[in-house]
Amino acid sequence: MYSVKWGIINLQQCFLIGEVIMSAVKRKKWFDDWRSYVIIVIGSIITAMSINMFLVPNRIAAGGVSGIATVLFYQFGFPVGVTMLLINIPLFIGGIKYLGGNFGVKTLFSSIILSVFTDLGTFLPTLTNDPMLASLYGGMVMGVGLGIVFRAGATTGGTDLAAKIIHNFFPVFTLGQILWAIDFFIIAYAGIVFQNFEMSLFAIVTIYVSSKIIDGILEGVNFAKSVLIISNKSDRIADKIMNVLDRGVTGLKGKGMYTGQDREVLMCVLKRSEIQTLKSIVKEIDENAFIILTDAREVLGEGFKTYD
């Protein structure tokens, strides 16, 4: 009887522990969602600042829905933020249908925030009337804002969302190719309306700069180096790398197709500051070793970045 009661008590305790764990998981999920929405707000506000302080005042229609809204603002006086939101409505519907509900909700939220703060931020000062400075700094600020939004798992709607939907039907084209095609037509349209194709060239500068900033935020700017080493003395080289540089080394099985001999290929990821030391180690042990160095855009794990 005692053992049965003891078993029932422990079973109840297990259920209680399970409920506590599930509650903690739900709270963490809620916290993660809450945090992502705060990040989206911050990124959208920064993007709105670039539109109001650099792009719209200088008639730079840097592609996307904001570019279309900029042209319509000068053509008909339509508020930029409201125009962006109205253009995005059919894209939201397509995004939810083809890309998933969570993606659509975050994108809708981001687009509304961006539209609201774009219209509320019209009081912000124009920091420069030089088109080149406006295109450069506007692209930088916009890239930071969009990169933050993308990292939170959303977009601001517009052509990036349109590109994802089109890519869903025509996967033969990359997202980059589709996005560039859409932006090209928007920039050309702006050049025709403003009767100034020089402004279209500045818009291209803005898009290029913002895309580089976005890549830096999403993929990291502190590139590491991935190294492959082919040598007959791989054991000694690996041992010294682990002892001197304190880096892990992985041995991959390889085969020289000309000689037919089996070789061990060493793979290692290092920080750029450690490359010269690695070269010295390999040269000291085997001057005939074959070394391949490539950029590693982002490295997660012990000794590098932690997982997000």
C-alpha atoms as a PDB file:
ATOM      1  CA  MET A   1       0.000   0.000   0.000  1.00  0.00           C
ATOM      2  CA  TYR A   2       2.817   2.337   0.950  1.00  0.00           C
ATOM      3  CA  SER A   3       4.606   1.739  -2.358  1.00  0.00           C
ATOM      4  CA  VAL A   4       1.397   2.432  -4.297  1.00  0.00           C
ATOM      5  CA  LYS A   5       0.806   5.694  -2.406  1.00  0.00           C
ATOM      6  CA  TRP A   6       4.455   6.610  -2.846  1.00  0.00           C
ATOM      7  CA  GLY A   7       4.131   5.994  -6.584  1.00  0.00           C
ATOM      8  CA  ILE A   8       0.986   8.118  -6.789  1.00  0.00           C
ATOM      9  CA  ILE A   9       2.650  10.962  -4.861  1.00  0.00           C
ATOM     10  CA  ASN A  10       5.695  10.870  -7.116  1.00  0.00           C
ATOM     11  CA  LEU A  11       3.486  10.780 -10.194  1.00  0.00           C
ATOM     12  CA  GLN A  12       1.651  13.853  -8.918  1.00  0.00           C
ATOM     13  CA  GLN A  13       4.989  15.546  -8.281  1.00  0.00           C
ATOM     14  CA  CYS A  14       6.064  14.739 -11.817  1.00  0.00           C
ATOM     15  CA  PHE A  15       2.893  16.311 -13.180  1.00  0.00           C
ATOM     16  CA  LEU A  16       3.459  19.368 -10.982  1.00  0.00           C
ATOM     17  CA  ILE A  17       7.059  19.699 -12.165  1.00  0.00           C
ATOM     18  CA  GLY A  18       5.879  19.282 -15.752  1.00  0.00           C
ATOM     19  CA  GLU A  19       3.334  22.059 -15.303  1.00  0.00           C
ATOM     20  CA  VAL A  20       5.995  24.354 -13.838  1.00  0.00           C
ATOM     21  CA  ILE A  21       8.327  23.630 -16.743  1.00  0.00           C
ATOM     22  CA  MET A  22       5.608  24.224 -19.339  1.00  0.00           C
ATOM     23  CA  SER A  23       4.642  27.451 -17.594  1.00  0.00           C
ATOM     24  CA  ALA A  24       8.265  28.600 -17.684  1.00  0.00           C
ATOM     25  CA  VAL A  25       8.530  27.692 -21.359  1.00  0.00           C
ATOM     26  CA  LYS A  26       5.366  29.654 -22.129  1.00  0.00           C
ATOM     27  CA  ARG A  27       6.644  32.653 -20.166  1.00  0.00           C
ATOM     28  CA  LYS A  28       9.951  32.507 -22.001  1.00  0.00           C
ATOM     29  CA  LYS A  29       8.138  32.293 -25.342  1.00  0.00           C
ATOM     30  CA  TRP A  30       5.993  35.273 -24.336  1.00  0.00           C
ATOM     31  CA  PHE A  31       9.115  37.172 -23.285  1.00  0.00           C
ATOM     32  CA  ASP A  32      10.886  36.337 -26.555  1.00  0.00           C
ATOM     33  CA  ASP A  33       7.846  37.490 -28.574  1.00  0.00           C
ATOM     34  CA  TRP A  34       7.563  40.661 -26.501  1.00  0.00           C
ATOM     35  CA  ARG A  35      11.246  41.377 -26.970  1.00  0.00           C
ATOM     36  CA  SER A  36      11.049  40.827 -30.741  1.00  0.00           C
ATOM     37  CA  TYR A  37       8.196  43.333 -31.029  1.00  0.00           C
ATOM     38  CA  VAL A  38      10.176  45.930 -29.079  1.00  0.00           C
ATOM     39  CA  ILE A  39      13.095  45.372 -31.457  1.00  0.00           C
ATOM     40  CA  ILE A  40      10.750  45.768 -34.439  1.00  0.00           C
ATOM     41  CA  VAL A  41       9.529  49.106 -33.038  1.00  0.00           C
ATOM     42  CA  ILE A  42      13.098  50.359 -32.627  1.00  0.00           C
ATOM     43  CA  GLY A  43      14.080  49.291 -36.147  1.00  0.00           C
ATOM     44  CA  SER A  44      10.939  50.831 -37.677  1.00  0.00           C
ATOM     45  CA  ILE A  45      11.539  54.142 -35.910  1.00  0.00           C
ATOM     46  CA  ILE A  46      15.125  54.270 -37.178  1.00  0.00           C
ATOM     47  CA  THR A  47      13.908  53.511 -40.723  1.00  0.00           C
ATOM     48  CA  ALA A  48      11.314  56.296 -40.434  1.00  0.00           C
ATOM     49  CA  MET A  49      14.071  58.697 -39.374  1.00  0.00           C
ATOM     50  CA  SER A  50      16.053  57.938 -42.537  1.00  0.00           C
ATOM     51  CA  ILE A  51      12.975  58.612 -44.679  1.00  0.00           C
ATOM     52  CA  ASN A  52      12.162  61.947 -43.014  1.00  0.00           C
ATOM     53  CA  MET A  53      15.659  63.305 -42.417  1.00  0.00           C
ATOM     54  CA  PHE A  54      17.439  62.267 -45.604  1.00  0.00           C
ATOM     55  CA  LEU A  55      15.421  60.648 -48.381  1.00  0.00           C
ATOM     56  CA  VAL A  56      12.056  62.396 -48.833  1.00  0.00           C
ATOM     57  CA  PRO A  57      13.409  65.974 -48.433  1.00  0.00           C
ATOM     58  CA  ASN A  58      15.977  65.276 -51.167  1.00  0.00           C
ATOM     59  CA  ARG A  59      13.573  63.426 -53.502  1.00  0.00           C
ATOM     60  CA  ILE A  60      15.519  60.200 -53.233  1.00  0.00           C
ATOM     61  CA  ALA A  61      13.118  57.355 -54.050  1.00  0.00           C
ATOM     62  CA  ALA A  62      15.335  54.475 -52.973  1.00  0.00           C
ATOM     63  CA  GLY A  63      13.138  51.694 -54.271  1.00  0.00           C
ATOM     64  CA  GLY A  64      10.543  49.887 -52.230  1.00  0.00           C
ATOM     65  CA  VAL A  65       7.168  51.115 -51.081  1.00  0.00           C
ATOM     66  CA  SER A  66       8.831  54.133 -49.463  1.00  0.00           C
ATOM     67  CA  GLY A  67      10.185  55.066 -52.902  1.00  0.00           C
ATOM     68  CA  ILE A  68       6.728  54.845 -54.473  1.00  0.00           C
ATOM     69  CA  ALA A  69       5.281  56.861 -51.565  1.00  0.00           C
ATOM     70  CA  THR A  70       7.971  59.521 -52.011  1.00  0.00           C
ATOM     71  CA  VAL A  71       7.087  59.967 -55.686  1.00  0.00           C
ATOM     72  CA  LEU A  72       3.339  60.105 -54.947  1.00  0.00           C
ATOM     73  CA  PHE A  73       3.988  62.649 -52.199  1.00  0.00           C
ATOM     74  CA  TYR A  74       5.602  65.043 -54.691  1.00  0.00           C
ATOM     75  CA  GLN A  75       3.028  64.239 -57.387  1.00  0.00           C
ATOM     76  CA  PHE A  76      -0.194  64.466 -55.398  1.00  0.00           C
ATOM     77  CA  GLY A  77       0.744  65.471 -51.862  1.00  0.00           C
ATOM     78  CA  PHE A  78      -0.289  62.128 -50.347  1.00  0.00           C
ATOM     79  CA  PRO A  79       1.194  61.521 -46.856  1.00  0.00           C
ATOM     80  CA  VAL A  80       4.139  59.172 -47.172  1.00  0.00           C
ATOM     81  CA  GLY A  81       3.243  56.965 -44.198  1.00  0.00           C
ATOM     82  CA  VAL A  82      -0.414  56.488 -45.124  1.00  0.00           C
ATOM     83  CA  THR A  83       0.518  55.756 -48.744  1.00  0.00           C
ATOM     84  CA  MET A  84       3.016  53.120 -47.645  1.00  0.00           C
ATOM     85  CA  LEU A  85       0.399  51.414 -45.500  1.00  0.00           C
ATOM     86  CA  LEU A  86      -2.246  51.419 -48.242  1.00  0.00           C
ATOM     87  CA  ILE A  87       0.187  49.895 -50.733  1.00  0.00           C
ATOM     88  CA  ASN A  88       1.202  47.258 -48.213  1.00  0.00           C
ATOM     89  CA  ILE A  89      -2.342  46.008 -47.469  1.00  0.00           C
ATOM     90  CA  PRO A  90      -2.566  43.543 -50.416  1.00  0.00           C
ATOM     91  CA  LEU A  91       1.009  42.447 -49.718  1.00  0.00           C
ATOM     92  CA  PHE A  92       0.062  41.585 -46.123  1.00  0.00           C
ATOM     93  CA  ILE A  93      -2.719  39.364 -47.363  1.00  0.00           C
ATOM     94  CA  GLY A  94      -0.351  37.582 -49.727  1.00  0.00           C
ATOM     95  CA  GLY A  95       2.300  37.292 -47.018  1.00  0.00           C
ATOM     96  CA  ILE A  96      -0.063  35.655 -44.549  1.00  0.00           C
ATOM     97  CA  LYS A  97      -1.389  33.285 -47.217  1.00  0.00           C
ATOM     98  CA  TYR A  98       1.913  32.157 -48.715  1.00  0.00           C
ATOM     99  CA  LEU A  99       4.538  32.854 -46.035  1.00  0.00           C
ATOM    100  CA  GLY A 100       2.751  32.016 -42.794  1.00  0.00           C
ATOM    101  CA  GLY A 101       0.633  33.773 -40.210  1.00  0.00           C
ATOM    102  CA  ASN A 102       3.386  34.660 -37.730  1.00  0.00           C
ATOM    103  CA  PHE A 103       5.449  36.261 -40.477  1.00  0.00           C
ATOM    104  CA  GLY A 104       2.429  38.247 -41.630  1.00  0.00           C
ATOM    105  CA  VAL A 105       1.526  39.479 -38.121  1.00  0.00           C
ATOM    106  CA  LYS A 106       5.032  40.747 -37.392  1.00  0.00           C
ATOM    107  CA  THR A 107       5.276  42.362 -40.814  1.00  0.00           C
ATOM    108  CA  LEU A 108       1.882  44.019 -40.387  1.00  0.00           C
ATOM    109  CA  PHE A 109       2.942  45.346 -36.996  1.00  0.00           C
ATOM    110  CA  SER A 110       6.243  46.642 -38.357  1.00  0.00           C
ATOM    111  CA  SER A 111       4.595  48.311 -41.352  1.00  0.00           C
ATOM    112  CA  ILE A 112       2.010  50.067 -39.208  1.00  0.00           C
ATOM    113  CA  ILE A 113       4.685  51.339 -36.824  1.00  0.00           C
ATOM    114  CA  LEU A 114       6.821  52.508 -39.749  1.00  0.00           C
ATOM    115  CA  SER A 115       3.883  54.265 -41.413  1.00  0.00           C
ATOM    116  CA  VAL A 116       2.798  55.986 -38.187  1.00  0.00           C
ATOM    117  CA  PHE A 117       6.262  57.207 -37.256  1.00  0.00           C
ATOM    118  CA  THR A 118       6.983  58.298 -40.828  1.00  0.00           C
ATOM    119  CA  ASP A 119       4.002  60.670 -40.733  1.00  0.00           C
ATOM    120  CA  LEU A 120       4.577  61.672 -37.107  1.00  0.00           C
ATOM    121  CA  GLY A 121       8.243  62.346 -37.807  1.00  0.00           C
ATOM    122  CA  THR A 122       7.711  65.038 -40.453  1.00  0.00           C
ATOM    123  CA  PHE A 123       8.850  67.605 -37.866  1.00  0.00           C
ATOM    124  CA  LEU A 124      12.360  66.109 -37.893  1.00  0.00           C
ATOM    125  CA  PRO A 125      14.971  68.417 -39.429  1.00  0.00           C
ATOM    126  CA  THR A 126      16.526  67.799 -42.834  1.00  0.00           C
ATOM    127  CA  LEU A 127      20.154  67.168 -41.979  1.00  0.00           C
ATOM    128  CA  THR A 128      21.565  67.858 -45.438  1.00  0.00           C
ATOM    129  CA  ASN A 129      20.481  69.195 -48.818  1.00  0.00           C
ATOM    130  CA  ASP A 130      23.405  67.547 -50.567  1.00  0.00           C
ATOM    131  CA  PRO A 131      21.998  64.576 -52.555  1.00  0.00           C
ATOM    132  CA  MET A 132      25.193  62.573 -52.222  1.00  0.00           C
ATOM    133  CA  LEU A 133      25.368  62.954 -48.446  1.00  0.00           C
ATOM    134  CA  ALA A 134      21.626  62.272 -48.202  1.00  0.00           C
ATOM    135  CA  SER A 135      21.932  59.089 -50.255  1.00  0.00           C
ATOM    136  CA  LEU A 136      24.911  57.843 -48.253  1.00  0.00           C
ATOM    137  CA  TYR A 137      23.687  58.634 -44.762  1.00  0.00           C
ATOM    138  CA  GLY A 138      20.089  57.853 -45.628  1.00  0.00           C
ATOM    139  CA  GLY A 139      21.200  54.430 -46.840  1.00  0.00           C
ATOM    140  CA  MET A 140      23.245  53.855 -43.695  1.00  0.00           C
ATOM    141  CA  VAL A 141      20.438  54.795 -41.298  1.00  0.00           C
ATOM    142  CA  MET A 142      17.842  52.877 -43.307  1.00  0.00           C
ATOM    143  CA  GLY A 143      20.119  49.819 -43.414  1.00  0.00           C
ATOM    144  CA  VAL A 144      20.467  49.865 -39.633  1.00  0.00           C
ATOM    145  CA  GLY A 145      16.706  50.131 -39.170  1.00  0.00           C
ATOM    146  CA  LEU A 146      15.805  47.436 -41.679  1.00  0.00           C
ATOM    147  CA  GLY A 147      18.562  45.143 -40.435  1.00  0.00           C
ATOM    148  CA  ILE A 148      17.162  45.352 -36.904  1.00  0.00           C
ATOM    149  CA  VAL A 149      13.643  44.580 -38.175  1.00  0.00           C
ATOM    150  CA  PHE A 150      14.842  41.642 -40.304  1.00  0.00           C
ATOM    151  CA  ARG A 151      16.803  40.232 -37.380  1.00  0.00           C
ATOM    152  CA  ALA A 152      13.593  40.224 -35.333  1.00  0.00           C
ATOM    153  CA  GLY A 153      11.994  37.943 -37.935  1.00  0.00           C
ATOM    154  CA  ALA A 154       9.872  40.521 -39.773  1.00  0.00           C
ATOM    155  CA  THR A 155      10.051  42.961 -42.667  1.00  0.00           C
ATOM    156  CA  THR A 156       8.577  46.407 -43.159  1.00  0.00           C
ATOM    157  CA  GLY A 157       6.383  45.059 -45.949  1.00  0.00           C
ATOM    158  CA  GLY A 158       6.991  46.611 -49.341  1.00  0.00           C
ATOM    159  CA  THR A 159       9.130  45.177 -52.072  1.00  0.00           C
ATOM    160  CA  ASP A 160      11.013  42.778 -49.788  1.00  0.00           C
ATOM    161  CA  LEU A 161       7.694  41.112 -48.953  1.00  0.00           C
ATOM    162  CA  ALA A 162       6.635  41.265 -52.607  1.00  0.00           C
ATOM    163  CA  ALA A 163       9.923  39.627 -53.583  1.00  0.00           C
ATOM    164  CA  LYS A 164       9.351  36.768 -51.122  1.00  0.00           C
ATOM    165  CA  ILE A 165       5.851  36.179 -52.510  1.00  0.00           C
ATOM    166  CA  ILE A 166       7.080  36.232 -56.128  1.00  0.00           C
ATOM    167  CA  HIS A 167       9.963  33.927 -55.192  1.00  0.00           C
ATOM    168  CA  ASN A 168       7.386  31.488 -53.802  1.00  0.00           C
ATOM    169  CA  PHE A 169       5.984  31.110 -57.344  1.00  0.00           C
ATOM    170  CA  PHE A 170       9.224  31.555 -59.333  1.00  0.00           C
ATOM    171  CA  PRO A 171      12.026  29.985 -57.274  1.00  0.00           C
ATOM    172  CA  VAL A 172      14.273  30.001 -60.338  1.00  0.00           C
ATOM    173  CA  PHE A 173      14.983  33.650 -59.523  1.00  0.00           C
ATOM    174  CA  THR A 174      16.768  34.553 -56.296  1.00  0.00           C
ATOM    175  CA  LEU A 175      15.257  36.987 -53.827  1.00  0.00           C
ATOM    176  CA  GLY A 176      18.044  39.427 -54.634  1.00  0.00           C
ATOM    177  CA  GLN A 177      17.328  39.319 -58.362  1.00  0.00           C
ATOM    178  CA  ILE A 178      13.600  39.864 -57.851  1.00  0.00           C
ATOM    179  CA  LEU A 179      14.195  42.697 -55.398  1.00  0.00           C
ATOM    180  CA  TRP A 180      16.620  44.464 -57.720  1.00  0.00           C
ATOM    181  CA  ALA A 181      14.175  44.139 -60.639  1.00  0.00           C
ATOM    182  CA  ILE A 182      11.322  45.678 -58.621  1.00  0.00           C
ATOM    183  CA  ASP A 183      13.501  48.476 -57.274  1.00  0.00           C
ATOM    184  CA  PHE A 184      14.868  49.205 -60.751  1.00  0.00           C
ATOM    185  CA  PHE A 185      11.384  49.908 -62.092  1.00  0.00           C
ATOM    186  CA  ILE A 186      10.544  52.091 -59.075  1.00  0.00           C
ATOM    187  CA  ILE A 187      13.751  54.099 -59.454  1.00  0.00           C
ATOM    188  CA  ALA A 188      13.160  54.501 -63.192  1.00  0.00           C
ATOM    189  CA  TYR A 189       9.598  55.636 -62.469  1.00  0.00           C
ATOM    190  CA  ALA A 190      10.927  58.241 -60.012  1.00  0.00           C
ATOM    191  CA  GLY A 191      13.424  59.503 -62.576  1.00  0.00           C
ATOM    192  CA  ILE A 192      10.636  59.972 -65.127  1.00  0.00           C
ATOM    193  CA  VAL A 193       8.326  61.796 -62.680  1.00  0.00           C
ATOM    194  CA  PHE A 194      11.046  64.068 -61.298  1.00  0.00           C
ATOM    195  CA  GLN A 195      12.549  64.477 -64.769  1.00  0.00           C
ATOM    196  CA  ASN A 196      15.926  64.046 -63.154  1.00  0.00           C
ATOM    197  CA  PHE A 197      17.689  60.728 -63.661  1.00  0.00           C
ATOM    198  CA  GLU A 198      20.590  61.952 -61.579  1.00  0.00           C
ATOM    199  CA  MET A 199      18.356  61.451 -58.532  1.00  0.00           C
ATOM    200  CA  SER A 200      17.814  57.865 -59.687  1.00  0.00           C
ATOM    201  CA  LEU A 201      21.570  57.342 -59.545  1.00  0.00           C
ATOM    202  CA  PHE A 202      21.637  58.656 -55.984  1.00  0.00           C
ATOM    203  CA  ALA A 203      18.801  56.249 -55.139  1.00  0.00           C
ATOM    204  CA  ILE A 204      20.931  53.350 -56.366  1.00  0.00           C
ATOM    205  CA  VAL A 205      23.707  54.495 -54.014  1.00  0.00           C
ATOM    206  CA  THR A 206      21.219  54.475 -51.138  1.00  0.00           C
ATOM    207  CA  ILE A 207      20.043  50.943 -51.945  1.00  0.00           C
ATOM    208  CA  TYR A 208      23.614  49.668 -52.213  1.00  0.00           C
ATOM    209  CA  VAL A 209      24.703  51.215 -48.913  1.00  0.00           C
ATOM    210  CA  SER A 210      21.596  50.033 -47.038  1.00  0.00           C
ATOM    211  CA  SER A 211      21.984  46.475 -48.395  1.00  0.00           C
ATOM    212  CA  LYS A 212      25.582  46.321 -47.136  1.00  0.00           C
ATOM    213  CA  ILE A 213      24.557  47.568 -43.703  1.00  0.00           C
ATOM    214  CA  ILE A 214      21.723  45.019 -43.574  1.00  0.00           C
ATOM    215  CA  ASP A 215      24.145  42.212 -44.488  1.00  0.00           C
ATOM    216  CA  GLY A 216      26.513  43.357 -41.757  1.00  0.00           C
ATOM    217  CA  ILE A 217      23.766  43.290 -39.133  1.00  0.00           C
ATOM    218  CA  LEU A 218      22.315  39.944 -40.218  1.00  0.00           C
ATOM    219  CA  GLU A 219      25.540  38.076 -40.941  1.00  0.00           C
ATOM    220  CA  GLY A 220      28.035  39.874 -38.732  1.00  0.00           C
ATOM    221  CA  VAL A 221      30.960  42.116 -39.578  1.00  0.00           C
ATOM    222  CA  ASN A 222      33.636  40.400 -37.495  1.00  0.00           C
ATOM    223  CA  PHE A 223      34.492  37.755 -40.061  1.00  0.00           C
ATOM    224  CA  ALA A 224      36.442  34.769 -38.923  1.00  0.00           C
ATOM    225  CA  LYS A 225      38.619  32.601 -41.158  1.00  0.00           C
ATOM    226  CA  SER A 226      37.936  29.002 -42.065  1.00  0.00           C
ATOM    227  CA  VAL A 227      41.162  27.082 -42.721  1.00  0.00           C
ATOM    228  CA  LEU A 228      41.807  23.790 -44.514  1.00  0.00           C
ATOM    229  CA  ILE A 229      45.297  22.282 -44.157  1.00  0.00           C
ATOM    230  CA  ILE A 230      46.551  19.328 -46.200  1.00  0.00           C
ATOM    231  CA  SER A 231      49.834  17.868 -44.951  1.00  0.00           C
ATOM    232  CA  ASN A 232      51.650  14.610 -44.322  1.00  0.00           C
ATOM    233  CA  LYS A 233      52.311  15.866 -40.790  1.00  0.00           C
ATOM    234  CA  SER A 234      48.740  16.706 -39.871  1.00  0.00           C
ATOM    235  CA  ASP A 235      48.974  15.196 -36.356  1.00  0.00           C
ATOM    236  CA  ARG A 236      51.842  17.457 -35.323  1.00  0.00           C
ATOM    237  CA  ILE A 237      50.209  20.525 -36.883  1.00  0.00           C
ATOM    238  CA  ALA A 238      46.877  19.827 -35.181  1.00  0.00           C
ATOM    239  CA  ASP A 239      48.563  19.296 -31.816  1.00  0.00           C
ATOM    240  CA  LYS A 240      50.411  22.596 -32.003  1.00  0.00           C
ATOM    241  CA  ILE A 241      47.340  24.547 -33.142  1.00  0.00           C
ATOM    242  CA  MET A 242      45.398  23.198 -30.166  1.00  0.00           C
ATOM    243  CA  ASN A 243      48.214  23.968 -27.710  1.00  0.00           C
ATOM    244  CA  VAL A 244      49.434  27.328 -29.031  1.00  0.00           C
ATOM    245  CA  LEU A 245      46.221  28.886 -30.370  1.00  0.00           C
ATOM    246  CA  ASP A 246      43.837  26.967 -28.107  1.00  0.00           C
ATOM    247  CA  ARG A 247      41.565  26.262 -31.075  1.00  0.00           C
ATOM    248  CA  GLY A 248      39.744  23.067 -31.897  1.00  0.00           C
ATOM    249  CA  VAL A 249      40.801  21.151 -34.990  1.00  0.00           C
ATOM    250  CA  THR A 250      38.745  18.630 -36.942  1.00  0.00           C
ATOM    251  CA  GLY A 251      40.316  15.910 -39.068  1.00  0.00           C
ATOM    252  CA  LEU A 252      38.508  15.149 -42.328  1.00  0.00           C
ATOM    253  CA  LYS A 253      39.210  12.092 -44.429  1.00  0.00           C
ATOM    254  CA  GLY A 254      40.534  12.948 -47.874  1.00  0.00           C
ATOM    255  CA  LYS A 255      42.226  11.253 -50.785  1.00  0.00           C
ATOM    256  CA  GLY A 256      44.749  12.580 -53.281  1.00  0.00           C
ATOM    257  CA  MET A 257      43.238  11.669 -56.635  1.00  0.00           C
ATOM    258  CA  TYR A 258      46.588  11.922 -58.441  1.00  0.00           C
ATOM    259  CA  THR A 259      48.606   9.815 -55.964  1.00  0.00           C
ATOM    260  CA  GLY A 260      45.710   7.689 -54.716  1.00  0.00           C
ATOM    261  CA  GLN A 261      46.965   8.179 -51.159  1.00  0.00           C
ATOM    262  CA  ASP A 262      44.675   8.800 -48.191  1.00  0.00           C
ATOM    263  CA  ARG A 263      45.228  12.152 -46.516  1.00  0.00           C
ATOM    264  CA  GLU A 264      43.863  13.764 -43.387  1.00  0.00           C
ATOM    265  CA  VAL A 265      42.568  17.268 -44.048  1.00  0.00           C
ATOM    266  CA  LEU A 266      42.574  19.556 -41.029  1.00  0.00           C
ATOM    267  CA  MET A 267      39.758  22.043 -40.640  1.00  0.00           C
ATOM    268  CA  CYS A 268      39.948  24.930 -38.186  1.00  0.00           C
ATOM    269  CA  VAL A 269      38.164  28.248 -37.634  1.00  0.00           C
ATOM    270  CA  LEU A 270      40.237  31.156 -36.364  1.00  0.00           C
ATOM    271  CA  LYS A 271      39.980  34.847 -35.729  1.00  0.00           C
ATOM    272  CA  ARG A 272      41.751  36.979 -38.296  1.00  0.00           C
ATOM    273  CA  SER A 273      44.351  38.071 -35.758  1.00  0.00           C
ATOM    274  CA  GLU A 274      45.403  34.420 -35.369  1.00  0.00           C
ATOM    275  CA  ILE A 275      46.063  33.729 -39.047  1.00  0.00           C
ATOM    276  CA  GLN A 276      49.717  34.799 -39.073  1.00  0.00           C
ATOM    277  CA  THR A 277      50.467  32.581 -36.070  1.00  0.00           C
ATOM    278  CA  LEU A 278      48.798  29.662 -37.839  1.00  0.00           C
ATOM    279  CA  LYS A 279      50.920  30.194 -40.946  1.00  0.00           C
ATOM    280  CA  SER A 280      54.067  30.213 -38.821  1.00  0.00           C
ATOM    281  CA  ILE A 281      53.050  26.980 -37.104  1.00  0.00           C
ATOM    282  CA  VAL A 282      52.374  25.189 -40.392  1.00  0.00           C
ATOM    283  CA  LYS A 283      55.560  26.507 -42.015  1.00  0.00           C
ATOM    284  CA  GLU A 284      57.663  25.415 -39.063  1.00  0.00           C
ATOM    285  CA  ILE A 285      56.352  21.840 -39.235  1.00  0.00           C
ATOM    286  CA  ASP A 286      55.771  21.341 -42.963  1.00  0.00           C
ATOM    287  CA  GLU A 287      56.818  23.922 -45.546  1.00  0.00           C
ATOM    288  CA  ASN A 288      55.089  21.896 -48.281  1.00  0.00           C
ATOM    289  CA  ALA A 289      51.684  21.909 -46.567  1.00  0.00           C
ATOM    290  CA  PHE A 290      48.718  23.137 -48.585  1.00  0.00           C
ATOM    291  CA  ILE A 291      46.620  25.843 -46.848  1.00  0.00           C
ATOM    292  CA  ILE A 292      43.231  27.184 -47.949  1.00  0.00           C
ATOM    293  CA  LEU A 293      41.839  30.284 -46.217  1.00  0.00           C
ATOM    294  CA  THR A 294      38.234  31.438 -46.671  1.00  0.00           C
ATOM    295  CA  ASP A 295      36.019  33.989 -44.933  1.00  0.00           C
ATOM    296  CA  ALA A 296      33.505  32.644 -42.434  1.00  0.00           C
ATOM    297  CA  ARG A 297      30.703  35.205 -42.326  1.00  0.00           C
ATOM    298  CA  GLU A 298      29.409  34.124 -38.927  1.00  0.00           C
ATOM    299  CA  VAL A 299      30.698  31.600 -36.416  1.00  0.00           C
ATOM    300  CA  LEU A 300      28.621  30.467 -33.442  1.00  0.00           C
ATOM    301  CA  GLY A 301      29.969  28.351 -30.633  1.00  0.00           C
ATOM    302  CA  GLU A 302      32.692  28.167 -28.022  1.00  0.00           C
ATOM    303  CA  GLY A 303      35.367  30.802 -28.536  1.00  0.00           C
ATOM    304  CA  PHE A 304      33.209  32.871 -30.882  1.00  0.00           C
ATOM    305  CA  LYS A 305      29.702  34.337 -30.747  1.00  0.00           C
ATOM    306  CA  THR A 306      27.006  32.815 -28.581  1.00  0.00           C
ATOM    307  CA  TYR A 307      23.737  31.658 -30.136  1.00  0.00           C
ATOM    308  CA  ASP A 308      20.947  34.260 -30.368  1.00  0.00           C
END
